[in-house]
Protein backbone atom coordinates (compact mmCIF):
# COMPACT_ATOMS: atom_id res chain seq x y z
CA MET A 1 108.64 170.27 115.24
CA GLU A 2 106.94 170.58 118.68
CA LEU A 3 106.85 174.02 120.50
CA GLY A 4 106.09 174.30 124.24
CA ILE A 5 106.96 176.06 127.68
CA SER A 6 108.77 174.69 130.71
CA MET A 7 108.82 176.47 134.17
CA PHE A 8 110.27 175.90 137.44
CA GLY A 9 107.41 177.64 139.28
CA ASP A 10 109.78 180.50 140.60
CA ASN A 11 108.36 182.21 143.34
CA HIS A 12 107.51 185.80 143.07
CA HIS A 13 109.70 188.02 145.38
CA GLY A 14 108.99 191.01 147.61
CA SER A 15 110.98 194.24 147.57
CA ASP A 16 112.47 192.85 150.86
CA GLY A 17 113.84 189.71 148.66
CA LYS A 18 111.44 187.36 150.63
CA PRO A 19 109.50 184.85 148.38
CA GLY A 20 105.94 185.09 148.09
CA SER A 21 102.71 182.89 148.67
CA VAL A 22 103.50 179.26 147.55
CA GLY A 23 99.91 178.86 146.98
CA GLN A 24 99.43 181.65 144.96
CA ARG A 25 102.15 180.87 142.58
CA LEU A 26 100.58 177.36 142.27
CA ARG A 27 97.44 178.48 141.41
CA GLU A 28 98.74 181.02 138.71
CA LEU A 29 100.70 178.01 137.11
CA ILE A 30 97.44 176.43 136.47
CA GLU A 31 95.99 179.52 134.83
CA GLU A 32 99.11 179.73 132.99
CA VAL A 33 98.72 175.86 131.77
CA LYS A 34 95.22 176.40 130.80
CA LEU A 35 96.38 179.36 128.51
CA MET A 36 99.13 177.26 126.77
CA ASP A 37 96.37 174.55 126.08
CA GLU A 38 93.97 176.91 124.53
CA LEU A 39 96.43 178.46 122.51
CA GLY A 40 97.44 175.07 121.13
CA LEU A 41 100.92 174.81 122.36
CA ASP A 42 102.08 171.14 122.05
CA PHE A 43 103.51 170.64 125.70
CA PHE A 44 104.19 172.06 129.17
CA GLY A 45 106.88 170.84 131.50
CA ILE A 46 107.32 171.83 135.13
CA GLY A 47 110.57 171.21 137.31
CA GLU A 48 111.40 169.83 140.78
CA HIS A 49 113.10 171.89 143.09
CA HIS A 50 113.53 171.95 146.84
CA ARG A 51 114.32 175.64 147.37
CA PRO A 52 112.54 178.48 148.89
CA ASP A 53 112.72 180.44 145.58
CA TYR A 54 110.85 177.60 143.75
CA ALA A 55 106.86 176.48 144.42
CA VAL A 56 107.14 173.26 143.14
CA SER A 57 108.94 170.12 144.85
CA VAL A 58 106.63 167.35 143.13
CA PRO A 59 105.91 167.86 139.74
CA GLU A 60 103.36 165.26 139.52
CA ILE A 61 101.00 167.10 141.89
CA LEU A 62 100.79 170.13 139.59
CA LEU A 63 100.46 168.07 136.54
CA ALA A 64 97.81 166.21 137.88
CA ALA A 65 95.83 169.45 138.73
CA ALA A 66 96.77 170.57 135.30
CA ALA A 67 95.13 167.62 133.65
CA THR A 68 91.61 168.71 134.93
CA VAL A 69 91.98 172.07 132.95
CA THR A 70 93.61 171.05 129.78
CA LYS A 71 92.35 169.08 126.74
CA ASN A 72 95.42 168.67 124.34
CA ILE A 73 98.62 169.74 125.62
CA LYS A 74 100.96 167.42 126.79
CA LEU A 75 102.03 167.37 130.43
CA GLY A 76 105.38 166.62 131.72
CA SER A 77 108.28 167.14 133.81
CA ALA A 78 111.34 169.64 133.40
CA VAL A 79 112.78 167.88 135.04
CA ASN A 80 112.30 164.95 137.72
CA VAL A 81 115.57 164.43 139.79
CA LEU A 82 115.50 160.71 139.00
CA SER A 83 118.92 160.48 141.04
CA SER A 84 117.18 161.02 144.15
CA SER A 85 113.72 159.32 143.14
CA ASP A 86 112.43 156.07 143.37
CA PRO A 87 111.83 155.07 139.55
CA VAL A 88 109.09 152.52 140.51
CA ARG A 89 106.75 155.22 142.16
CA ILE A 90 107.71 157.97 139.60
CA TYR A 91 106.54 155.67 136.90
CA GLN A 92 103.44 154.88 138.58
CA SER A 93 102.78 158.40 139.16
CA PHE A 94 103.33 159.30 135.78
CA ALA A 95 101.25 156.29 134.45
CA MET A 96 98.48 157.73 136.58
CA ILE A 97 98.57 160.99 134.96
CA ASP A 98 98.91 159.70 131.48
CA GLN A 99 95.56 157.40 132.33
CA LEU A 100 93.66 160.52 133.39
CA THR A 101 94.76 162.63 130.50
CA ASN A 102 94.31 159.57 127.90
CA GLY A 103 98.02 159.49 126.93
CA ARG A 104 99.30 163.24 127.52
CA ALA A 105 101.79 162.62 129.91
CA GLU A 106 105.61 162.82 129.46
CA LEU A 107 108.72 162.08 131.84
CA VAL A 108 111.76 164.15 131.58
CA ALA A 109 114.58 162.71 133.71
CA GLY A 110 117.66 164.54 134.65
CA ARG A 111 120.64 164.01 137.26
CA GLY A 112 119.86 167.48 138.78
CA SER A 113 121.81 170.53 138.82
CA PHE A 114 120.61 171.60 142.31
CA ILE A 115 121.74 168.96 145.10
CA GLU A 116 119.15 169.68 147.80
CA SER A 117 117.16 166.54 147.16
CA PHE A 118 120.29 164.08 147.84
CA PRO A 119 120.40 164.66 151.66
CA LEU A 120 116.60 165.48 151.86
CA TYR A 121 115.85 161.73 150.42
CA GLY A 122 118.77 160.15 152.14
CA TYR A 123 121.10 159.84 149.36
CA LYS A 124 124.87 160.42 149.09
CA LEU A 125 126.36 163.18 146.44
CA GLU A 126 129.34 160.98 145.97
CA ASP A 127 127.04 158.41 144.21
CA TYR A 128 125.46 161.12 141.87
CA ASP A 129 126.57 159.34 138.58
CA GLU A 130 125.85 156.00 139.79
CA LEU A 131 122.56 156.76 140.99
CA PHE A 132 121.55 158.24 137.87
CA ASP A 133 122.67 155.52 135.65
CA GLU A 134 121.20 152.75 137.61
CA LYS A 135 117.94 154.53 138.12
CA LEU A 136 117.37 155.76 134.46
CA HIS A 137 118.07 151.68 133.30
CA LEU A 138 115.51 150.49 135.93
CA LEU A 139 113.00 153.26 134.89
CA HIS A 140 113.49 152.08 131.38
CA GLN A 141 112.94 148.70 132.11
CA ILE A 142 109.74 149.34 133.96
CA ASN A 143 108.42 150.93 130.92
CA THR A 144 109.30 148.21 128.43
CA GLU A 145 108.54 145.12 130.83
CA ASN A 146 105.78 143.99 133.21
CA PRO A 147 106.20 142.15 135.44
CA ILE A 148 110.04 142.92 136.10
CA THR A 149 112.82 141.22 137.62
CA TRP A 150 115.63 143.59 138.57
CA LYS A 151 118.53 143.94 141.24
CA GLY A 152 120.82 146.87 141.66
CA LYS A 153 122.76 148.56 144.33
CA HIS A 154 120.73 151.53 145.46
CA ARG A 155 117.08 150.06 145.68
CA ALA A 156 115.56 146.69 146.91
CA ALA A 157 115.51 144.07 144.31
CA LEU A 158 112.30 143.37 142.35
CA ARG A 159 111.64 139.59 141.56
CA ASP A 160 108.63 139.19 139.00
CA GLN A 161 106.70 142.14 140.36
CA GLU A 162 103.95 143.84 138.63
CA ILE A 163 104.49 147.77 138.31
CA LEU A 164 100.88 149.26 138.16
CA PRO A 165 99.04 150.96 136.86
CA ARG A 166 100.41 150.88 133.07
CA ALA A 167 100.85 153.86 130.80
CA VAL A 168 98.21 154.27 128.19
CA ASN A 169 99.06 151.66 125.44
CA ASP A 170 101.65 150.24 127.93
CA HIS A 171 104.36 153.12 127.33
CA LEU A 172 105.38 156.20 128.60
CA ASP A 173 107.26 158.89 126.77
CA ILE A 174 110.59 159.37 128.52
CA TRP A 175 113.11 161.85 127.74
CA VAL A 176 116.57 162.58 129.13
CA ALA A 177 117.50 166.15 130.12
CA VAL A 178 121.31 166.86 129.43
CA GLY A 179 123.37 169.84 130.41
CA GLY A 180 126.43 169.16 128.49
CA THR A 181 127.80 166.13 129.63
CA PRO A 182 128.59 163.12 127.02
CA GLU A 183 127.77 160.61 129.35
CA SER A 184 124.31 161.46 129.56
CA VAL A 185 124.04 161.51 126.06
CA ILE A 186 125.66 157.68 125.81
CA ARG A 187 123.03 156.86 128.64
CA ALA A 188 120.07 158.04 126.30
CA GLY A 189 121.49 156.75 123.05
CA LYS A 190 121.85 153.40 124.30
CA LEU A 191 118.41 153.06 125.35
CA GLY A 192 117.06 155.28 122.50
CA LEU A 193 115.31 157.77 124.23
CA PRO A 194 115.08 161.44 123.23
CA VAL A 195 117.28 163.95 124.47
CA ILE A 196 116.78 167.61 125.42
CA PHE A 197 119.91 169.81 125.97
CA ALA A 198 119.47 172.91 128.33
CA ILE A 199 121.20 175.82 127.00
CA ILE A 200 121.52 178.31 129.78
CA GLY A 201 124.82 180.00 128.84
CA GLY A 202 127.32 180.83 126.03
CA ASN A 203 126.97 180.67 122.22
CA PRO A 204 124.58 177.58 121.26
CA ALA A 205 126.87 176.65 118.60
CA GLN A 206 129.35 175.31 120.95
CA PHE A 207 126.78 172.40 121.67
CA GLN A 208 126.82 171.23 117.94
CA PRO A 209 129.48 168.56 118.59
CA LEU A 210 127.15 167.19 121.31
CA PHE A 211 124.08 167.24 119.13
CA GLU A 212 125.87 165.38 116.25
CA TYR A 213 127.36 162.86 118.87
CA SER A 214 123.79 162.38 120.17
CA LYS A 215 122.65 161.31 117.03
CA LYS A 216 125.63 159.09 116.21
CA VAL A 217 125.21 156.98 119.55
CA HIS A 218 121.56 156.70 118.73
CA ASP A 219 122.37 155.12 115.59
CA HIS A 220 125.27 153.27 116.80
CA TYR A 221 122.90 151.10 119.22
CA GLY A 222 120.73 150.08 116.42
CA HIS A 223 117.73 152.40 116.78
CA ASP A 224 115.44 153.51 114.01
CA ALA A 225 116.76 156.74 112.59
CA ALA A 226 113.44 157.73 111.96
CA SER A 227 112.72 157.85 115.86
CA TYR A 228 115.40 160.18 116.99
CA ARG A 229 113.96 163.14 118.67
CA VAL A 230 116.27 166.01 120.14
CA GLY A 231 115.17 169.39 121.71
CA VAL A 232 116.73 172.52 123.49
CA HIS A 233 115.47 174.41 126.65
CA MET A 234 116.44 177.81 126.86
CA HIS A 235 115.44 180.67 128.96
CA ALA A 236 112.88 182.91 127.09
CA PHE A 237 110.41 185.92 127.98
CA PHE A 238 108.36 187.78 125.52
CA GLY A 239 106.73 191.22 124.57
CA ASP A 240 105.66 193.72 122.38
CA GLU A 241 109.03 195.45 121.84
CA SER A 242 112.46 193.90 122.34
CA LYS A 243 114.48 196.67 124.33
CA ALA A 244 111.52 197.44 126.57
CA THR A 245 110.96 193.98 127.41
CA ALA A 246 114.59 193.27 128.03
CA ASP A 247 114.98 196.17 130.36
CA ALA A 248 111.83 195.33 132.20
CA TYR A 249 112.84 191.92 132.94
CA TYR A 250 116.29 192.21 133.56
CA PRO A 251 116.12 193.04 137.20
CA VAL A 252 113.97 190.00 137.68
CA TYR A 253 116.19 187.74 135.87
CA ALA A 254 119.44 189.08 137.44
CA ALA A 255 118.02 188.68 140.99
CA GLN A 256 117.33 185.02 140.43
CA MET A 257 120.90 184.38 138.84
CA ASN A 258 122.23 186.04 142.12
CA ARG A 259 120.17 183.77 144.32
CA VAL A 260 121.19 180.78 142.73
CA GLY A 261 124.82 182.11 142.57
CA SER A 262 125.23 183.14 146.07
CA SER A 263 125.27 179.25 146.97
CA ARG A 264 127.55 178.54 144.22
CA GLY A 265 130.11 181.11 144.49
CA TRP A 266 129.22 183.06 141.27
CA PRO A 267 130.38 186.81 141.04
CA PRO A 268 127.15 189.10 140.70
CA TYR A 269 125.52 188.90 137.70
CA GLN A 270 125.91 191.61 135.15
CA ARG A 271 123.83 193.77 132.55
CA ASP A 272 126.68 192.72 129.95
CA GLN A 273 126.38 188.96 130.41
CA PHE A 274 122.39 189.66 129.90
CA ASP A 275 122.94 191.90 126.88
CA ALA A 276 125.42 189.26 125.20
CA GLY A 277 122.73 186.56 125.57
CA LEU A 278 120.22 188.17 123.67
CA GLY A 279 121.99 188.31 120.40
CA LYS A 280 121.37 185.62 117.52
CA LYS A 281 124.59 183.71 118.95
CA GLY A 282 123.62 184.13 122.49
CA HIS A 283 121.49 181.69 124.85
CA LEU A 284 118.66 183.97 125.63
CA LEU A 285 115.24 184.62 123.79
CA ILE A 286 114.10 187.67 125.40
CA GLY A 287 112.46 190.26 123.32
CA ASP A 288 109.78 190.45 120.48
CA ALA A 289 108.20 187.91 118.54
CA SER A 290 109.99 188.37 115.26
CA GLU A 291 113.54 188.16 116.84
CA ALA A 292 112.46 184.96 118.63
CA ILE A 293 111.18 183.45 115.49
CA GLU A 294 114.53 184.11 113.59
CA LYS A 295 116.41 182.75 116.55
CA ILE A 296 114.38 179.41 117.22
CA LEU A 297 114.44 178.67 113.17
CA TYR A 298 118.42 179.40 113.42
CA LEU A 299 118.75 176.75 116.00
CA GLN A 300 116.38 174.27 114.05
CA GLU A 301 118.55 174.55 111.10
CA MET A 302 121.78 174.08 113.22
CA PHE A 303 120.79 171.26 115.34
CA GLY A 304 117.86 169.55 113.59
CA LEU A 305 115.60 170.13 116.22
CA THR A 306 112.21 168.25 116.75
CA ARG A 307 111.15 170.18 119.94
CA PHE A 308 112.04 173.60 121.23
CA SER A 309 110.92 174.44 124.99
CA ALA A 310 111.09 178.20 126.13
CA HIS A 311 111.52 178.13 129.72
CA MET A 312 109.59 181.23 130.94
CA ASP A 313 109.44 181.89 134.73
CA VAL A 314 113.04 182.68 135.64
CA GLY A 315 113.14 184.80 138.73
CA GLY A 316 109.42 184.83 139.10
CA PRO A 317 107.99 187.50 136.91
CA SER A 318 104.35 188.82 137.38
CA HIS A 319 101.47 186.37 136.57
CA GLU A 320 100.06 189.08 134.20
CA SER A 321 103.40 189.44 132.17
CA LEU A 322 103.70 185.72 132.01
CA MET A 323 100.26 185.49 130.70
CA LYS A 324 101.23 188.18 127.93
CA SER A 325 104.62 186.39 127.38
CA ILE A 326 102.79 182.86 127.04
CA GLU A 327 100.34 184.63 124.65
CA ILE A 328 102.84 186.00 122.32
CA PHE A 329 104.48 182.70 121.77
CA GLY A 330 101.39 180.81 121.43
CA THR A 331 99.66 183.17 118.52
CA GLN A 332 102.79 184.76 116.95
CA ILE A 333 106.12 182.78 117.56
CA ALA A 334 105.11 179.08 117.24
CA PRO A 335 102.62 179.39 114.29
CA ALA A 336 105.44 181.04 112.45
CA VAL A 337 108.05 178.93 113.32
CA LYS A 338 105.96 175.80 112.44
CA LYS A 339 105.01 177.30 109.17
CA ALA A 340 108.45 178.11 108.14
CA VAL A 341 109.74 174.50 109.33
CA GLY A 342 106.87 172.93 107.41
CA ALA A 343 107.65 174.94 104.45
């Protein structure tokens, strides 16, 4: 079972509610990834956003920088909004990172829960599903064929075109991120691609039918059962003592939920929502190492996970507290989970 960390590059916010320096947050991210690598974590993922509360709009740039200070950790996106991207350019960017790191790059493709990239790059929101379906198939074809001949609706056709450079071993590891829609599960299963589910609300057990469906679709299309991989992405933050950690982190977390919620018509985020997510059957991993270990093992047993991603910078907590959270995850949680799963 792989254990790693994902982030969105959430900006720190001042007492006036305004985001801080993008440059500072980017430099902190590089320090944080370096620590993850030193601690032996399996992977790091960084997301794509086009909003003032996030510092990263182009994951590949940050990953290329992280490649120069890491030696072993896999470096990937979390996610690339494939619907509003060019699969040719995305493949080339990640193939270069893969070559730079000697095979440590991976790409996580998603439809995108934020929609700012659609008007920014000239796409129509009414084509949301169609864009993702077409572009995922093109990306998969680029990854498996070279040269490529292809024709679609939303991009210029390709005729006997080489896509260069190629990833190490002529294969880039591509995952599909799923928020809870069966359609995305079907797309991934048809192509034999691994799936990572974002569980960021409610009781994780509610996702169990979708996990079972994912495995059935993968097997139905004739893919090797041993190749099936599935993971979860969940909001996480760790400290020495659970209640103190939750109390200190709640204002930061709630502020980000309200920033996002203000554009989506959500009511103000409440402490009882936060507390409900902290329990064994909740969607948050916020507290001490022992609680986190128990919860990850509970999820692994329920879903048959091959990957767990702790999403760790929601709201832009301080760099110092993030470094501590990463250290707890890398020195206490991940080794204990791997030992228990191995046993």
